[in-house]
PDB file of N, CA and C in Angstrom:
ATOM      1  N   UNK A   1     -12.753   7.592  11.048  1.00  0.00           N
ATOM      2  CA  UNK A   1     -12.370   5.859  11.654  1.00  0.00           C
ATOM      3  C   UNK A   1     -10.985   5.467  10.999  1.00  0.00           C
ATOM      4  N   UNK A   2     -10.455   5.176  12.092  1.00  0.00           N
ATOM      5  CA  UNK A   2      -9.032   4.644  11.103  1.00  0.00           C
ATOM      6  C   UNK A   2      -8.512   3.618  11.259  1.00  0.00           C
ATOM      7  N   UNK A   3      -8.382   2.863   9.975  1.00  0.00           N
ATOM      8  CA  UNK A   3      -8.414   1.493  10.060  1.00  0.00           C
ATOM      9  C   UNK A   3      -7.150   0.727   9.826  1.00  0.00           C
ATOM     10  N   UNK A   4      -6.102  -0.453  10.401  1.00  0.00           N
ATOM     11  CA  UNK A   4      -4.709  -0.411   9.804  1.00  0.00           C
ATOM     12  C   UNK A   4      -4.962  -1.510   9.117  1.00  0.00           C
ATOM     13  N   UNK A   5      -4.079  -1.385   7.952  1.00  0.00           N
ATOM     14  CA  UNK A   5      -3.714  -1.837   7.043  1.00  0.00           C
ATOM     15  C   UNK A   5      -2.547  -2.900   6.857  1.00  0.00           C
ATOM     16  N   UNK A   6      -2.539  -4.330   6.557  1.00  0.00           N
ATOM     17  CA  UNK A   6      -1.555  -4.591   6.549  1.00  0.00           C
ATOM     18  C   UNK A   6      -0.154  -4.860   5.341  1.00  0.00           C
ATOM     19  N   UNK A   7       0.680  -5.128   5.668  1.00  0.00           N
ATOM     20  CA  UNK A   7       1.977  -4.415   4.297  1.00  0.00           C
ATOM     21  C   UNK A   7       2.606  -5.614   4.581  1.00  0.00           C
ATOM     22  N   UNK A   8       2.803  -6.142   3.457  1.00  0.00           N
ATOM     23  CA  UNK A   8       3.787  -7.362   3.366  1.00  0.00           C
ATOM     24  C   UNK A   8       4.452  -6.996   1.952  1.00  0.00           C
ATOM     25  N   UNK A   9       6.539  -7.429   1.717  1.00  0.00           N
ATOM     26  CA  UNK A   9       6.511  -7.751   1.095  1.00  0.00           C
ATOM     27  C   UNK A   9       6.144  -9.091  -0.349  1.00  0.00           C
ATOM     28  N   UNK A  10       5.807  -8.499  -1.556  1.00  0.00           N
ATOM     29  CA  UNK A  10       5.822  -9.240  -2.002  1.00  0.00           C
ATOM     30  C   UNK A  10       6.768 -10.562  -2.361  1.00  0.00           C
ATOM     31  N   UNK A  11       7.745 -10.266  -2.880  1.00  0.00           N
ATOM     32  CA  UNK A  11       8.724 -11.574  -3.073  1.00  0.00           C
ATOM     33  C   UNK A  11       9.810 -11.237  -2.183  1.00  0.00           C
ATOM     34  N   UNK A  12       9.684 -12.195  -1.113  1.00  0.00           N
ATOM     35  CA  UNK A  12      10.665 -12.487   0.265  1.00  0.00           C
ATOM     36  C   UNK A  12      12.187 -12.493  -0.592  1.00  0.00           C
ATOM     37  N   UNK A  13      12.238 -12.958  -1.633  1.00  0.00           N
ATOM     38  CA  UNK A  13      14.056 -12.666  -2.152  1.00  0.00           C
ATOM     39  C   UNK A  13      14.351 -11.674  -2.085  1.00  0.00           C
ATOM     40  N   UNK A  14      13.826 -10.752  -2.455  1.00  0.00           N
ATOM     41  CA  UNK A  14      14.189  -9.191  -2.776  1.00  0.00           C
ATOM     42  C   UNK A  14      13.541  -8.225  -1.825  1.00  0.00           C
ATOM     43  N   UNK A  15      13.263  -8.325  -0.636  1.00  0.00           N
ATOM     44  CA  UNK A  15      12.249  -7.668   0.247  1.00  0.00           C
ATOM     45  C   UNK A  15      12.911  -5.944   0.204  1.00  0.00           C
ATOM     46  N   UNK A  16      12.002  -4.955   0.448  1.00  0.00           N
ATOM     47  CA  UNK A  16      12.477  -3.480   0.817  1.00  0.00           C
ATOM     48  C   UNK A  16      12.563  -3.486   2.491  1.00  0.00           C
ATOM     49  N   UNK A  17      13.471  -2.877   2.629  1.00  0.00           N
ATOM     50  CA  UNK A  17      13.981  -2.707   3.244  1.00  0.00           C
ATOM     51  C   UNK A  17      12.876  -1.061   3.997  1.00  0.00           C
ATOM     52  N   UNK A  18      12.842  -1.234   4.903  1.00  0.00           N
ATOM     53  CA  UNK A  18      12.347  -0.283   5.857  1.00  0.00           C
ATOM     54  C   UNK A  18      10.661   0.153   5.337  1.00  0.00           C
ATOM     55  N   UNK A  19      10.424  -1.462   4.661  1.00  0.00           N
ATOM     56  CA  UNK A  19       8.745  -0.876   4.472  1.00  0.00           C
ATOM     57  C   UNK A  19       8.486  -1.815   6.149  1.00  0.00           C
ATOM     58  N   UNK A  20       7.014  -0.514   6.234  1.00  0.00           N
ATOM     59  CA  UNK A  20       6.501  -0.929   7.731  1.00  0.00           C
ATOM     60  C   UNK A  20       5.291  -2.107   7.461  1.00  0.00           C
ATOM     61  N   UNK A  21       5.515  -2.611   8.879  1.00  0.00           N
ATOM     62  CA  UNK A  21       4.473  -3.776   8.225  1.00  0.00           C
ATOM     63  C   UNK A  21       2.815  -3.211   8.787  1.00  0.00           C
ATOM     64  N   UNK A  22       2.769  -2.261   8.954  1.00  0.00           N
ATOM     65  CA  UNK A  22       1.080  -2.031   8.746  1.00  0.00           C
ATOM     66  C   UNK A  22       1.416  -0.343   8.872  1.00  0.00           C
ATOM     67  N   UNK A  23      -0.043   0.461   8.084  1.00  0.00           N
ATOM     68  CA  UNK A  23      -0.254   1.520   8.334  1.00  0.00           C
ATOM     69  C   UNK A  23      -1.537   1.709   8.491  1.00  0.00           C
ATOM     70  N   UNK A  24      -1.674   3.289   9.001  1.00  0.00           N
ATOM     71  CA  UNK A  24      -3.169   3.915   9.208  1.00  0.00           C
ATOM     72  C   UNK A  24      -3.905   3.801   8.281  1.00  0.00           C
ATOM     73  N   UNK A  25      -5.074   4.023   8.039  1.00  0.00           N
ATOM     74  CA  UNK A  25      -5.929   4.423   6.973  1.00  0.00           C
ATOM     75  C   UNK A  25      -7.203   5.176   7.605  1.00  0.00           C
ATOM     76  N   UNK A  26      -7.939   6.002   6.985  1.00  0.00           N
ATOM     77  CA  UNK A  26      -9.102   5.998   6.894  1.00  0.00           C
ATOM     78  C   UNK A  26     -10.419   5.402   5.605  1.00  0.00           C
ATOM     79  N   UNK A  27     -11.215   6.119   5.713  1.00  0.00           N
ATOM     80  CA  UNK A  27     -11.987   5.570   5.081  1.00  0.00           C
ATOM     81  C   UNK A  27     -12.086   6.586   3.653  1.00  0.00           C
ATOM     82  N   UNK A  28     -11.825   7.980   3.651  1.00  0.00           N
ATOM     83  CA  UNK A  28     -11.048   8.741   2.640  1.00  0.00           C
ATOM     84  C   UNK A  28      -9.386   8.215   1.604  1.00  0.00           C
ATOM     85  N   UNK A  29      -9.029   6.921   2.022  1.00  0.00           N
ATOM     86  CA  UNK A  29      -7.735   6.990   1.841  1.00  0.00           C
ATOM     87  C   UNK A  29      -8.153   6.345   0.119  1.00  0.00           C
ATOM     88  N   UNK A  30      -7.375   6.900  -0.826  1.00  0.00           N
ATOM     89  CA  UNK A  30      -7.019   6.079  -2.103  1.00  0.00           C
ATOM     90  C   UNK A  30      -5.799   5.416  -1.990  1.00  0.00           C
ATOM     91  N   UNK A  31      -5.839   4.727  -2.990  1.00  0.00           N
ATOM     92  CA  UNK A  31      -4.521   3.807  -3.486  1.00  0.00           C
ATOM     93  C   UNK A  31      -3.610   4.718  -3.703  1.00  0.00           C
ATOM     94  N   UNK A  32      -3.718   6.245  -4.880  1.00  0.00           N
ATOM     95  CA  UNK A  32      -2.075   6.836  -5.222  1.00  0.00           C
ATOM     96  C   UNK A  32      -2.021   7.408  -3.257  1.00  0.00           C
ATOM     97  N   UNK A  33      -2.942   7.781  -1.997  1.00  0.00           N
ATOM     98  CA  UNK A  33      -2.724   8.070  -0.920  1.00  0.00           C
ATOM     99  C   UNK A  33      -2.050   7.288  -0.081  1.00  0.00           C
ATOM    100  N   UNK A  34      -1.945   5.602  -0.176  1.00  0.00           N
ATOM    101  CA  UNK A  34      -1.399   4.407   0.082  1.00  0.00           C
ATOM    102  C   UNK A  34       0.123   4.444  -0.441  1.00  0.00           C
ATOM    103  N   UNK A  35       0.190   4.522  -1.494  1.00  0.00           N
ATOM    104  CA  UNK A  35       1.373   3.744  -2.200  1.00  0.00           C
ATOM    105  C   UNK A  35       2.653   5.366  -2.058  1.00  0.00           C
ATOM    106  N   UNK A  36       2.084   6.675  -1.695  1.00  0.00           N
ATOM    107  CA  UNK A  36       2.688   7.841  -0.967  1.00  0.00           C
ATOM    108  C   UNK A  36       3.008   7.868   0.309  1.00  0.00           C
ATOM    109  N   UNK A  37       2.555   7.001   1.096  1.00  0.00           N
ATOM    110  CA  UNK A  37       2.643   6.821   2.312  1.00  0.00           C
ATOM    111  C   UNK A  37       3.847   5.547   2.670  1.00  0.00           C
ATOM    112  N   UNK A  38       4.114   4.422   1.713  1.00  0.00           N
ATOM    113  CA  UNK A  38       4.448   3.704   1.958  1.00  0.00           C
ATOM    114  C   UNK A  38       5.998   3.994   1.453  1.00  0.00           C
ATOM    115  N   UNK A  39       5.465   4.587   0.139  1.00  0.00           N
ATOM    116  CA  UNK A  39       6.793   5.641  -0.314  1.00  0.00           C
ATOM    117  C   UNK A  39       7.626   6.428   0.479  1.00  0.00           C
ATOM    118  N   UNK A  40       7.443   7.118   1.007  1.00  0.00           N
ATOM    119  CA  UNK A  40       7.565   8.073   2.175  1.00  0.00           C
ATOM    120  C   UNK A  40       8.416   6.947   3.560  1.00  0.00           C
ATOM    121  N   UNK A  41       8.275   6.238   4.008  1.00  0.00           N
ATOM    122  CA  UNK A  41       8.240   5.432   4.947  1.00  0.00           C
ATOM    123  C   UNK A  41       8.935   4.475   4.582  1.00  0.00           C
ATOM    124  N   UNK A  42       9.551   3.696   2.955  1.00  0.00           N
ATOM    125  CA  UNK A  42      10.246   2.874   2.726  1.00  0.00           C
ATOM    126  C   UNK A  42      12.022   3.439   2.395  1.00  0.00           C
ATOM    127  N   UNK A  43      11.709   5.018   2.733  1.00  0.00           N
ATOM    128  CA  UNK A  43      13.037   5.768   2.289  1.00  0.00           C
ATOM    129  C   UNK A  43      13.021   6.515   1.295  1.00  0.00           C
ATOM    130  N   UNK A  44      11.911   6.741   0.769  1.00  0.00           N
ATOM    131  CA  UNK A  44      12.127   7.936  -0.812  1.00  0.00           C
ATOM    132  C   UNK A  44      11.979   6.769  -1.873  1.00  0.00           C
ATOM    133  N   UNK A  45      11.225   5.559  -1.715  1.00  0.00           N
ATOM    134  CA  UNK A  45      11.131   4.949  -3.123  1.00  0.00           C
ATOM    135  C   UNK A  45       9.842   5.874  -3.782  1.00  0.00           C
ATOM    136  N   UNK A  46       9.915   5.327  -5.546  1.00  0.00           N
ATOM    137  CA  UNK A  46       9.499   6.030  -5.972  1.00  0.00           C
ATOM    138  C   UNK A  46       7.047   5.458  -5.433  1.00  0.00           C
ATOM    139  N   UNK A  47       6.834   6.263  -5.786  1.00  0.00           N
ATOM    140  CA  UNK A  47       5.373   5.774  -5.385  1.00  0.00           C
ATOM    141  C   UNK A  47       4.748   4.859  -6.593  1.00  0.00           C
ATOM    142  N   UNK A  48       4.611   4.977  -7.125  1.00  0.00           N
ATOM    143  CA  UNK A  48       4.476   4.179  -8.735  1.00  0.00           C
ATOM    144  C   UNK A  48       4.965   2.874  -9.010  1.00  0.00           C
ATOM    145  N   UNK A  49       6.062   2.592  -7.986  1.00  0.00           N
ATOM    146  CA  UNK A  49       7.019   1.013  -8.103  1.00  0.00           C
ATOM    147  C   UNK A  49       5.849   0.133  -7.006  1.00  0.00           C
ATOM    148  N   UNK A  50       5.174   0.791  -6.199  1.00  0.00           N
ATOM    149  CA  UNK A  50       4.659  -0.120  -5.099  1.00  0.00           C
ATOM    150  C   UNK A  50       2.603  -0.463  -6.015  1.00  0.00           C
ATOM    151  N   UNK A  51       2.335  -2.055  -5.780  1.00  0.00           N
ATOM    152  CA  UNK A  51       1.140  -2.189  -5.854  1.00  0.00           C
ATOM    153  C   UNK A  51       0.451  -2.564  -4.808  1.00  0.00           C
ATOM    154  N   UNK A  52      -0.903  -2.523  -5.125  1.00  0.00           N
ATOM    155  CA  UNK A  52      -1.965  -2.641  -3.748  1.00  0.00           C
ATOM    156  C   UNK A  52      -2.597  -3.904  -4.242  1.00  0.00           C
ATOM    157  N   UNK A  53      -2.775  -4.897  -3.977  1.00  0.00           N
ATOM    158  CA  UNK A  53      -3.123  -6.391  -3.913  1.00  0.00           C
ATOM    159  C   UNK A  53      -4.329  -6.485  -3.145  1.00  0.00           C
ATOM    160  N   UNK A  54      -5.163  -7.190  -3.544  1.00  0.00           N
ATOM    161  CA  UNK A  54      -6.818  -7.373  -2.979  1.00  0.00           C
ATOM    162  C   UNK A  54      -6.320  -8.663  -2.574  1.00  0.00           C
ATOM    163  N   UNK A  55      -6.474  -9.133  -1.583  1.00  0.00           N
ATOM    164  CA  UNK A  55      -6.252 -10.926  -0.808  1.00  0.00           C
ATOM    165  C   UNK A  55      -7.756 -11.417  -1.895  1.00  0.00           C
ATOM    166  N   UNK A  56      -8.813 -10.539  -1.226  1.00  0.00           N
ATOM    167  CA  UNK A  56     -10.652 -11.207  -1.737  1.00  0.00           C
ATOM    168  C   UNK A  56     -10.038 -11.605  -3.449  1.00  0.00           C
ATOM    169  N   UNK A  57      -9.983 -10.804  -4.059  1.00  0.00           N
ATOM    170  CA  UNK A  57     -10.363 -11.150  -5.747  1.00  0.00           C
ATOM    171  C   UNK A  57      -8.888 -11.200  -6.146  1.00  0.00           C
ATOM    172  N   UNK A  58      -7.876 -11.132  -5.768  1.00  0.00           N
ATOM    173  CA  UNK A  58      -6.399 -11.568  -6.343  1.00  0.00           C
ATOM    174  C   UNK A  58      -6.059 -10.919  -7.589  1.00  0.00           C
ATOM    175  N   UNK A  59      -6.067  -9.823  -7.270  1.00  0.00           N
ATOM    176  CA  UNK A  59      -6.197  -8.759  -8.028  1.00  0.00           C
ATOM    177  C   UNK A  59      -5.384  -6.944  -7.673  1.00  0.00           C
ATOM    178  N   UNK A  60      -4.176  -6.600  -8.346  1.00  0.00           N
ATOM    179  CA  UNK A  60      -4.076  -5.431  -7.817  1.00  0.00           C
ATOM    180  C   UNK A  60      -4.515  -4.592  -8.555  1.00  0.00           C
ATOM    181  N   UNK A  61      -4.650  -3.640  -7.414  1.00  0.00           N
ATOM    182  CA  UNK A  61      -5.771  -2.141  -7.748  1.00  0.00           C
ATOM    183  C   UNK A  61      -4.994  -1.064  -8.416  1.00  0.00           C
ATOM    184  N   UNK A  62      -5.357  -0.757  -9.502  1.00  0.00           N
ATOM    185  CA  UNK A  62      -4.867  -0.224 -11.067  1.00  0.00           C
ATOM    186  C   UNK A  62      -5.385   1.459 -10.896  1.00  0.00           C
ATOM    187  N   UNK A  63      -6.838   1.537 -10.442  1.00  0.00           N
ATOM    188  CA  UNK A  63      -7.165   2.894 -10.246  1.00  0.00           C
ATOM    189  C   UNK A  63      -6.531   3.508  -8.981  1.00  0.00           C
ATOM    190  N   UNK A  64      -6.176   4.591  -9.314  1.00  0.00           N
ATOM    191  CA  UNK A  64      -4.922   5.020  -8.432  1.00  0.00           C
ATOM    192  C   UNK A  64      -5.998   5.959  -7.753  1.00  0.00           C
ATOM    193  N   UNK A  65      -7.145   6.724  -8.262  1.00  0.00           N
ATOM    194  CA  UNK A  65      -8.389   7.218  -7.640  1.00  0.00           C
ATOM    195  C   UNK A  65      -9.131   6.710  -6.401  1.00  0.00           C
ATOM    196  N   UNK A  66      -9.267   5.527  -6.560  1.00  0.00           N
ATOM    197  CA  UNK A  66     -10.311   4.206  -5.712  1.00  0.00           C
ATOM    198  C   UNK A  66     -10.205   4.282  -4.764  1.00  0.00           C
ATOM    199  N   UNK A  67     -11.000   4.367  -3.469  1.00  0.00           N
ATOM    200  CA  UNK A  67     -10.799   3.726  -2.494  1.00  0.00           C
ATOM    201  C   UNK A  67     -10.640   2.663  -1.966  1.00  0.00           C
ATOM    202  N   UNK A  68      -9.528   2.529  -0.454  1.00  0.00           N
ATOM    203  CA  UNK A  68      -9.011   1.388  -0.076  1.00  0.00           C
ATOM    204  C   UNK A  68      -9.935   0.985   0.258  1.00  0.00           C
ATOM    205  N   UNK A  69     -10.669   1.028   0.968  1.00  0.00           N
ATOM    206  CA  UNK A  69     -11.640   0.583   1.829  1.00  0.00           C
ATOM    207  C   UNK A  69     -13.242  -0.190   1.400  1.00  0.00           C
ATOM    208  N   UNK A  70     -13.400   0.307  -0.056  1.00  0.00           N
ATOM    209  CA  UNK A  70     -14.563   0.226  -1.031  1.00  0.00           C
ATOM    210  C   UNK A  70     -14.096  -1.632  -1.536  1.00  0.00           C
TER     211      UNK A  70
END
């Protein structure tokens, strides 16, 4: 089952060009998978430069092997 993940720029003053507005993920997608997918769609950025932010806990997801949908 695919789920849509909303993507936004953290800094509106320095936006990332070609960053997609949303990406499709499934229940087995990890944090590292999302970073790699964003890097590829943003035009070859380093995946380690991206951070995933959980809006409910207001913290950055640091464990790259953690599942996104959990």
